[in-house]
C-alpha atoms as a PDB file:
ATOM      1  CA  MET A   1       0.018   0.022   0.017  1.00  0.00           C
ATOM      2  CA  TYR A   2       1.298   3.466  -0.949  1.00  0.00           C
ATOM      3  CA  GLN A   3       2.178   5.778   1.917  1.00  0.00           C
ATOM      4  CA  PRO A   4       2.918   9.436   1.115  1.00  0.00           C
ATOM      5  CA  GLU A   5       5.560   9.504   3.887  1.00  0.00           C
ATOM      6  CA  PRO A   6       6.815   5.909   4.278  1.00  0.00           C
ATOM      7  CA  VAL A   7       8.544   4.903   7.490  1.00  0.00           C
ATOM      8  CA  SER A   8      12.263   4.616   6.934  1.00  0.00           C
ATOM      9  CA  ILE A   9      15.439   4.049   8.926  1.00  0.00           C
ATOM     10  CA  ALA A  10      18.861   5.656   8.948  1.00  0.00           C
ATOM     11  CA  SER A  11      21.824   3.679   7.578  1.00  0.00           C
ATOM     12  CA  THR A  12      23.444   4.056  11.030  1.00  0.00           C
ATOM     13  CA  ALA A  13      20.541   2.364  12.896  1.00  0.00           C
ATOM     14  CA  SER A  14      20.912  -1.023  14.514  1.00  0.00           C
ATOM     15  CA  LEU A  15      19.015  -4.163  13.511  1.00  0.00           C
ATOM     16  CA  SER A  16      17.223  -3.961  16.833  1.00  0.00           C
ATOM     17  CA  GLU A  17      15.951  -0.492  15.985  1.00  0.00           C
ATOM     18  CA  ALA A  18      14.857  -1.741  12.529  1.00  0.00           C
ATOM     19  CA  ALA A  19      12.980  -4.667  14.099  1.00  0.00           C
ATOM     20  CA  ASP A  20      11.251  -2.362  16.554  1.00  0.00           C
ATOM     21  CA  LEU A  21      10.226   0.070  13.862  1.00  0.00           C
ATOM     22  CA  MET A  22       8.882  -2.716  11.702  1.00  0.00           C
ATOM     23  CA  SER A  23       6.887  -4.121  14.575  1.00  0.00           C
ATOM     24  CA  ASP A  24       5.528  -0.663  15.617  1.00  0.00           C
ATOM     25  CA  HIS A  25       4.369   0.109  12.086  1.00  0.00           C
ATOM     26  CA  HIS A  26       3.287  -3.396  11.014  1.00  0.00           C
ATOM     27  CA  THR A  27       5.613  -3.568   8.041  1.00  0.00           C
ATOM     28  CA  ASN A  28       7.944  -6.195   6.653  1.00  0.00           C
ATOM     29  CA  ALA A  29      10.511  -3.917   5.058  1.00  0.00           C
ATOM     30  CA  LEU A  30      12.032  -0.431   5.566  1.00  0.00           C
ATOM     31  CA  PRO A  31      13.843   1.825   3.124  1.00  0.00           C
ATOM     32  CA  VAL A  32      17.357   2.642   4.452  1.00  0.00           C
ATOM     33  CA  LEU A  33      18.362   6.317   4.041  1.00  0.00           C
ATOM     34  CA  ASP A  34      21.775   8.026   4.306  1.00  0.00           C
ATOM     35  CA  ASN A  35      21.342  11.779   4.472  1.00  0.00           C
ATOM     36  CA  GLY A  36      17.990  11.456   2.738  1.00  0.00           C
ATOM     37  CA  THR A  37      19.289   9.258  -0.037  1.00  0.00           C
ATOM     38  CA  LEU A  38      18.033   5.710  -0.471  1.00  0.00           C
ATOM     39  CA  VAL A  39      20.917   3.328   0.019  1.00  0.00           C
ATOM     40  CA  GLY A  40      19.033   0.061   0.519  1.00  0.00           C
ATOM     41  CA  ILE A  41      16.086  -1.828   1.950  1.00  0.00           C
ATOM     42  CA  VAL A  42      16.121  -3.992   5.017  1.00  0.00           C
ATOM     43  CA  ALA A  43      13.448  -6.709   5.262  1.00  0.00           C
ATOM     44  CA  ARG A  44      12.272  -8.740   8.248  1.00  0.00           C
ATOM     45  CA  ILE A  45      13.850 -11.860   6.647  1.00  0.00           C
ATOM     46  CA  ASP A  46      17.257 -10.030   6.632  1.00  0.00           C
ATOM     47  CA  ILE A  47      17.009  -9.621  10.362  1.00  0.00           C
ATOM     48  CA  ILE A  48      15.944 -13.294  10.888  1.00  0.00           C
ATOM     49  CA  ARG A  49      18.850 -14.557   8.685  1.00  0.00           C
ATOM     50  CA  THR A  50      21.323 -12.389  10.646  1.00  0.00           C
ATOM     51  CA  LEU A  51      20.101 -13.855  13.951  1.00  0.00           C
ATOM     52  CA  LEU A  52      20.344 -17.439  12.695  1.00  0.00           C
ATOM     53  CA  VAL A  53      24.017 -17.121  11.688  1.00  0.00           C
END
């Protein structure tokens, strides 16, 4: 679903912060921004895979 101001996270944020933000906003992925520029996307599965390693 399109959101005019999507929830995003800074490139310096921790995985814990990303997981909390995803949970709070009921989303499975977040755009990652560095000084307002899109540098990537982190998905819930990325966090899960990191925890399983």
